[in-house]
Amino acid sequence: MTNFNFNNKRFILLENSKNGKVNSDTVFDYQHDGNLVTADYHGGTVKYGKIIARLEGAELNMLYQCLTMDNELKAGKALAKITLNKHNKMRLKLDWQWLTAEGTTGTSEYVEM
């Protein structure tokens, strides 16, 4: 089993459902301590966002929140499956759900820079 290390890793979006808020200009800066994984994110459509997650094997159980450039305050939850690509960089495939207002669901995929 691979031991994933998110400390000081940066991720960008590969694809997102149309009801997602992040875009290709959003950057995620991760930190890692034991099974606690956190990230700050910003750029593109997001003024500032924060992720807190629990690492469980090859999955991240996440809660996230952000303030968009349109001044919307959003929050959600996601389960991210972690894999490695051919360049040994982590990929995250998320199944997510908004917890604010609409409660819609979607998928997104991210890659380590």
N, C-alpha and C. Protein backbone atom coordinates (compact mmCIF):
# COMPACT_ATOMS: atom_id res chain seq x y z
N MET A 1 0.84 -1.19 0.00
CA MET A 1 0.00 0.00 0.00
C MET A 1 0.88 1.25 0.00
N THR A 2 0.50 2.22 -0.79
CA THR A 2 1.25 3.47 -0.89
C THR A 2 0.92 4.37 0.29
N ASN A 3 1.94 4.97 0.87
CA ASN A 3 1.74 5.99 1.90
C ASN A 3 1.77 7.34 1.21
N PHE A 4 0.63 8.00 1.15
CA PHE A 4 0.52 9.28 0.47
C PHE A 4 0.97 10.39 1.42
N ASN A 5 1.72 11.34 0.88
CA ASN A 5 2.19 12.48 1.66
C ASN A 5 1.74 13.77 0.96
N PHE A 6 0.87 14.52 1.62
CA PHE A 6 0.35 15.76 1.06
C PHE A 6 1.11 17.00 1.53
N ASN A 7 2.12 16.81 2.38
CA ASN A 7 2.79 17.97 2.96
C ASN A 7 3.47 18.81 1.89
N ASN A 8 3.13 20.10 1.87
CA ASN A 8 3.68 21.07 0.92
C ASN A 8 3.44 20.71 -0.54
N LYS A 9 2.32 20.03 -0.82
CA LYS A 9 1.96 19.67 -2.19
C LYS A 9 0.94 20.67 -2.72
N ARG A 10 1.02 20.93 -3.99
CA ARG A 10 0.11 21.87 -4.66
C ARG A 10 -0.66 21.12 -5.74
N PHE A 11 -1.97 21.38 -5.82
CA PHE A 11 -2.84 20.71 -6.77
C PHE A 11 -3.59 21.73 -7.61
N ILE A 12 -3.94 21.31 -8.83
CA ILE A 12 -4.77 22.11 -9.73
C ILE A 12 -5.90 21.24 -10.27
N LEU A 13 -6.93 21.89 -10.76
CA LEU A 13 -8.11 21.22 -11.30
C LEU A 13 -7.83 20.65 -12.69
N LEU A 14 -8.31 19.43 -12.91
CA LEU A 14 -8.31 18.84 -14.26
C LEU A 14 -9.69 18.97 -14.88
N GLU A 15 -10.73 18.62 -14.10
CA GLU A 15 -12.10 18.76 -14.59
C GLU A 15 -13.06 18.88 -13.42
N ASN A 16 -14.22 19.50 -13.70
CA ASN A 16 -15.19 19.76 -12.64
C ASN A 16 -16.59 19.72 -13.23
N SER A 17 -17.56 19.30 -12.42
CA SER A 17 -18.96 19.40 -12.82
C SER A 17 -19.32 20.87 -12.98
N LYS A 18 -20.30 21.16 -13.82
CA LYS A 18 -20.62 22.56 -14.10
C LYS A 18 -21.15 23.31 -12.89
N ASN A 19 -21.67 22.61 -11.87
CA ASN A 19 -22.16 23.27 -10.67
C ASN A 19 -21.06 23.42 -9.60
N GLY A 20 -19.82 23.06 -9.95
CA GLY A 20 -18.68 23.28 -9.06
C GLY A 20 -18.24 24.73 -9.12
N LYS A 21 -17.51 25.19 -8.12
CA LYS A 21 -17.09 26.59 -8.06
C LYS A 21 -15.64 26.82 -8.47
N VAL A 22 -14.78 25.83 -8.33
CA VAL A 22 -13.37 26.07 -8.68
C VAL A 22 -13.17 25.92 -10.18
N ASN A 23 -12.12 26.57 -10.68
CA ASN A 23 -11.79 26.44 -12.10
C ASN A 23 -10.28 26.21 -12.24
N SER A 24 -9.79 26.25 -13.46
CA SER A 24 -8.38 25.92 -13.72
C SER A 24 -7.41 26.94 -13.16
N ASP A 25 -7.90 28.09 -12.70
CA ASP A 25 -7.03 29.10 -12.08
C ASP A 25 -6.96 28.96 -10.56
N THR A 26 -7.69 28.01 -10.01
CA THR A 26 -7.69 27.79 -8.56
C THR A 26 -6.54 26.87 -8.18
N VAL A 27 -5.78 27.26 -7.16
CA VAL A 27 -4.62 26.49 -6.69
C VAL A 27 -4.88 26.05 -5.24
N PHE A 28 -4.53 24.79 -4.95
CA PHE A 28 -4.72 24.20 -3.63
C PHE A 28 -3.35 23.90 -3.03
N ASP A 29 -3.08 24.44 -1.85
CA ASP A 29 -1.82 24.21 -1.14
C ASP A 29 -2.10 23.36 0.10
N TYR A 30 -1.58 22.12 0.08
CA TYR A 30 -1.87 21.13 1.11
C TYR A 30 -0.78 21.04 2.18
N GLN A 31 -1.23 20.64 3.38
CA GLN A 31 -0.35 20.30 4.50
C GLN A 31 -0.83 18.96 5.05
N HIS A 32 0.05 18.27 5.78
CA HIS A 32 -0.26 16.91 6.21
C HIS A 32 0.42 16.65 7.56
N ASP A 33 -0.34 16.12 8.51
CA ASP A 33 0.19 15.77 9.83
C ASP A 33 -0.56 14.54 10.32
N GLY A 34 0.09 13.38 10.26
CA GLY A 34 -0.59 12.13 10.64
C GLY A 34 -1.71 11.85 9.66
N ASN A 35 -2.93 11.65 10.18
CA ASN A 35 -4.06 11.42 9.27
C ASN A 35 -4.83 12.72 8.97
N LEU A 36 -4.34 13.87 9.50
CA LEU A 36 -4.95 15.17 9.23
C LEU A 36 -4.33 15.79 7.98
N VAL A 37 -5.18 16.12 7.02
CA VAL A 37 -4.74 16.79 5.80
C VAL A 37 -5.56 18.07 5.67
N THR A 38 -4.88 19.19 5.45
CA THR A 38 -5.56 20.47 5.28
C THR A 38 -5.07 21.13 4.00
N ALA A 39 -5.86 22.07 3.51
CA ALA A 39 -5.45 22.84 2.33
C ALA A 39 -6.10 24.21 2.36
N ASP A 40 -5.36 25.20 1.88
CA ASP A 40 -5.88 26.52 1.57
C ASP A 40 -5.99 26.58 0.06
N TYR A 41 -7.03 27.22 -0.44
CA TYR A 41 -7.14 27.37 -1.90
C TYR A 41 -7.68 28.74 -2.26
N HIS A 42 -7.26 29.19 -3.44
CA HIS A 42 -7.65 30.51 -3.92
C HIS A 42 -7.35 30.61 -5.41
N GLY A 43 -7.88 31.64 -6.01
CA GLY A 43 -7.63 31.89 -7.43
C GLY A 43 -8.84 31.59 -8.28
N GLY A 44 -8.87 32.21 -9.43
CA GLY A 44 -10.01 32.02 -10.33
C GLY A 44 -11.28 32.53 -9.70
N THR A 45 -12.26 31.67 -9.53
CA THR A 45 -13.58 32.03 -9.00
C THR A 45 -13.62 32.03 -7.46
N VAL A 46 -12.51 31.65 -6.81
CA VAL A 46 -12.48 31.52 -5.35
C VAL A 46 -11.57 32.58 -4.74
N LYS A 47 -12.14 33.39 -3.85
CA LYS A 47 -11.36 34.38 -3.12
C LYS A 47 -10.49 33.68 -2.08
N TYR A 48 -11.10 32.78 -1.29
CA TYR A 48 -10.35 31.99 -0.30
C TYR A 48 -11.18 30.77 0.07
N GLY A 49 -10.48 29.65 0.24
CA GLY A 49 -11.14 28.43 0.68
C GLY A 49 -10.25 27.63 1.60
N LYS A 50 -10.87 26.72 2.35
CA LYS A 50 -10.15 25.88 3.31
C LYS A 50 -10.73 24.47 3.26
N ILE A 51 -9.84 23.48 3.29
CA ILE A 51 -10.22 22.07 3.36
C ILE A 51 -9.65 21.48 4.63
N ILE A 52 -10.44 20.64 5.30
CA ILE A 52 -9.94 19.80 6.38
C ILE A 52 -10.37 18.39 6.03
N ALA A 53 -9.42 17.45 6.13
CA ALA A 53 -9.71 16.09 5.70
C ALA A 53 -9.02 15.08 6.60
N ARG A 54 -9.59 13.89 6.61
CA ARG A 54 -8.99 12.76 7.32
C ARG A 54 -8.53 11.75 6.26
N LEU A 55 -7.24 11.42 6.29
CA LEU A 55 -6.67 10.44 5.37
C LEU A 55 -6.97 9.05 5.88
N GLU A 56 -7.60 8.23 5.04
CA GLU A 56 -7.96 6.86 5.38
C GLU A 56 -7.51 5.96 4.23
N GLY A 57 -6.29 5.44 4.32
CA GLY A 57 -5.75 4.61 3.24
C GLY A 57 -5.55 5.42 1.98
N ALA A 58 -6.32 5.09 0.93
CA ALA A 58 -6.22 5.80 -0.34
C ALA A 58 -7.41 6.73 -0.57
N GLU A 59 -7.98 7.24 0.54
CA GLU A 59 -9.11 8.15 0.45
C GLU A 59 -8.94 9.31 1.42
N LEU A 60 -9.45 10.46 1.01
CA LEU A 60 -9.57 11.62 1.88
C LEU A 60 -11.05 11.88 2.12
N ASN A 61 -11.44 11.90 3.38
CA ASN A 61 -12.80 12.26 3.76
C ASN A 61 -12.75 13.75 4.09
N MET A 62 -13.36 14.60 3.26
CA MET A 62 -13.15 16.05 3.29
C MET A 62 -14.39 16.84 3.67
N LEU A 63 -14.13 17.95 4.34
CA LEU A 63 -15.09 19.05 4.47
C LEU A 63 -14.40 20.28 3.92
N TYR A 64 -15.14 21.14 3.21
CA TYR A 64 -14.52 22.33 2.63
C TYR A 64 -15.49 23.50 2.69
N GLN A 65 -14.89 24.68 2.65
CA GLN A 65 -15.67 25.92 2.62
C GLN A 65 -14.90 26.96 1.84
N CYS A 66 -15.64 27.89 1.26
CA CYS A 66 -14.96 28.96 0.52
C CYS A 66 -15.84 30.20 0.42
N LEU A 67 -15.18 31.31 0.12
CA LEU A 67 -15.84 32.54 -0.26
C LEU A 67 -15.48 32.78 -1.71
N THR A 68 -16.49 32.89 -2.56
CA THR A 68 -16.24 33.05 -3.99
C THR A 68 -15.99 34.52 -4.33
N MET A 69 -15.54 34.77 -5.53
CA MET A 69 -15.34 36.14 -6.00
C MET A 69 -16.66 36.90 -6.10
N ASP A 70 -17.78 36.17 -6.17
CA ASP A 70 -19.11 36.77 -6.16
C ASP A 70 -19.63 36.95 -4.73
N ASN A 71 -18.76 36.75 -3.72
CA ASN A 71 -19.10 36.87 -2.31
C ASN A 71 -20.14 35.86 -1.83
N GLU A 72 -20.19 34.70 -2.48
CA GLU A 72 -21.01 33.60 -1.99
C GLU A 72 -20.18 32.83 -0.97
N LEU A 73 -20.78 32.49 0.15
CA LEU A 73 -20.15 31.63 1.14
C LEU A 73 -20.68 30.23 0.90
N LYS A 74 -19.80 29.29 0.56
CA LYS A 74 -20.18 27.93 0.18
C LYS A 74 -19.50 26.93 1.12
N ALA A 75 -20.14 25.78 1.32
CA ALA A 75 -19.56 24.69 2.12
C ALA A 75 -20.02 23.37 1.54
N GLY A 76 -19.16 22.36 1.69
CA GLY A 76 -19.51 21.05 1.16
C GLY A 76 -18.71 19.95 1.79
N LYS A 77 -18.98 18.74 1.31
CA LYS A 77 -18.25 17.55 1.76
C LYS A 77 -17.90 16.73 0.53
N ALA A 78 -16.84 15.94 0.66
CA ALA A 78 -16.40 15.13 -0.48
C ALA A 78 -15.66 13.90 0.01
N LEU A 79 -15.66 12.87 -0.82
CA LEU A 79 -14.81 11.71 -0.64
C LEU A 79 -13.89 11.68 -1.85
N ALA A 80 -12.57 11.78 -1.59
CA ALA A 80 -11.58 11.81 -2.66
C ALA A 80 -10.83 10.49 -2.71
N LYS A 81 -10.82 9.88 -3.86
CA LYS A 81 -10.02 8.67 -4.08
C LYS A 81 -8.67 9.11 -4.63
N ILE A 82 -7.59 8.60 -4.02
CA ILE A 82 -6.22 9.01 -4.36
C ILE A 82 -5.57 7.92 -5.21
N THR A 83 -5.00 8.33 -6.33
CA THR A 83 -4.20 7.43 -7.16
C THR A 83 -2.93 8.16 -7.57
N LEU A 84 -2.01 7.43 -8.17
CA LEU A 84 -0.80 8.01 -8.72
C LEU A 84 -0.85 7.91 -10.24
N ASN A 85 -0.44 8.99 -10.94
CA ASN A 85 -0.40 8.92 -12.39
C ASN A 85 0.95 8.35 -12.84
N LYS A 86 1.17 8.30 -14.15
CA LYS A 86 2.38 7.69 -14.68
C LYS A 86 3.65 8.46 -14.31
N HIS A 87 3.49 9.72 -13.86
CA HIS A 87 4.64 10.53 -13.44
C HIS A 87 4.82 10.50 -11.92
N ASN A 88 4.10 9.56 -11.27
CA ASN A 88 4.16 9.38 -9.81
C ASN A 88 3.62 10.59 -9.05
N LYS A 89 2.72 11.34 -9.69
CA LYS A 89 2.04 12.48 -9.06
C LYS A 89 0.66 12.01 -8.61
N MET A 90 0.21 12.55 -7.48
CA MET A 90 -1.10 12.17 -6.97
C MET A 90 -2.22 12.79 -7.81
N ARG A 91 -3.29 12.01 -7.96
CA ARG A 91 -4.53 12.47 -8.57
C ARG A 91 -5.64 12.26 -7.56
N LEU A 92 -6.53 13.21 -7.48
CA LEU A 92 -7.68 13.13 -6.57
C LEU A 92 -8.95 13.14 -7.40
N LYS A 93 -9.78 12.12 -7.25
CA LYS A 93 -11.09 12.08 -7.90
C LYS A 93 -12.14 12.21 -6.81
N LEU A 94 -12.86 13.33 -6.83
CA LEU A 94 -13.81 13.65 -5.77
C LEU A 94 -15.25 13.41 -6.21
N ASP A 95 -16.01 12.81 -5.31
CA ASP A 95 -17.47 12.81 -5.36
C ASP A 95 -17.88 13.76 -4.26
N TRP A 96 -18.53 14.87 -4.61
CA TRP A 96 -18.80 15.92 -3.63
C TRP A 96 -20.27 16.31 -3.61
N GLN A 97 -20.61 17.02 -2.52
CA GLN A 97 -21.96 17.54 -2.35
C GLN A 97 -21.90 18.88 -1.64
N TRP A 98 -22.64 19.86 -2.16
CA TRP A 98 -22.76 21.13 -1.46
C TRP A 98 -23.64 20.94 -0.24
N LEU A 99 -23.24 21.51 0.89
CA LEU A 99 -24.03 21.47 2.11
C LEU A 99 -24.83 22.76 2.29
N THR A 100 -24.50 23.78 1.52
CA THR A 100 -25.21 25.06 1.58
C THR A 100 -26.27 25.09 0.49
N ALA A 101 -27.34 25.71 0.80
CA ALA A 101 -28.47 25.98 -0.10
C ALA A 101 -28.89 24.80 -0.96
N GLU A 102 -28.36 24.68 -2.15
CA GLU A 102 -28.91 23.76 -3.13
C GLU A 102 -28.65 22.27 -2.86
N GLY A 103 -27.58 21.91 -2.15
CA GLY A 103 -27.30 20.51 -1.83
C GLY A 103 -27.00 19.64 -3.04
N THR A 104 -26.65 20.24 -4.17
CA THR A 104 -26.37 19.46 -5.38
C THR A 104 -25.07 18.69 -5.24
N THR A 105 -24.89 17.73 -6.11
CA THR A 105 -23.70 16.87 -6.11
C THR A 105 -22.93 17.03 -7.40
N GLY A 106 -21.70 16.53 -7.40
CA GLY A 106 -20.88 16.57 -8.59
C GLY A 106 -19.62 15.78 -8.41
N THR A 107 -18.78 15.84 -9.42
CA THR A 107 -17.48 15.18 -9.38
C THR A 107 -16.43 16.17 -9.86
N SER A 108 -15.23 15.99 -9.41
CA SER A 108 -14.11 16.79 -9.91
C SER A 108 -12.84 15.98 -9.78
N GLU A 109 -11.83 16.39 -10.52
CA GLU A 109 -10.56 15.69 -10.51
C GLU A 109 -9.43 16.71 -10.48
N TYR A 110 -8.43 16.40 -9.66
CA TYR A 110 -7.28 17.29 -9.42
C TYR A 110 -5.98 16.51 -9.59
N VAL A 111 -4.92 17.21 -9.92
CA VAL A 111 -3.61 16.58 -10.05
C VAL A 111 -2.56 17.42 -9.31
N GLU A 112 -1.61 16.72 -8.73
CA GLU A 112 -0.49 17.37 -8.07
C GLU A 112 0.37 18.05 -9.11
N MET A 113 0.79 19.27 -8.82
CA MET A 113 1.67 20.00 -9.73
C MET A 113 3.10 19.53 -9.58
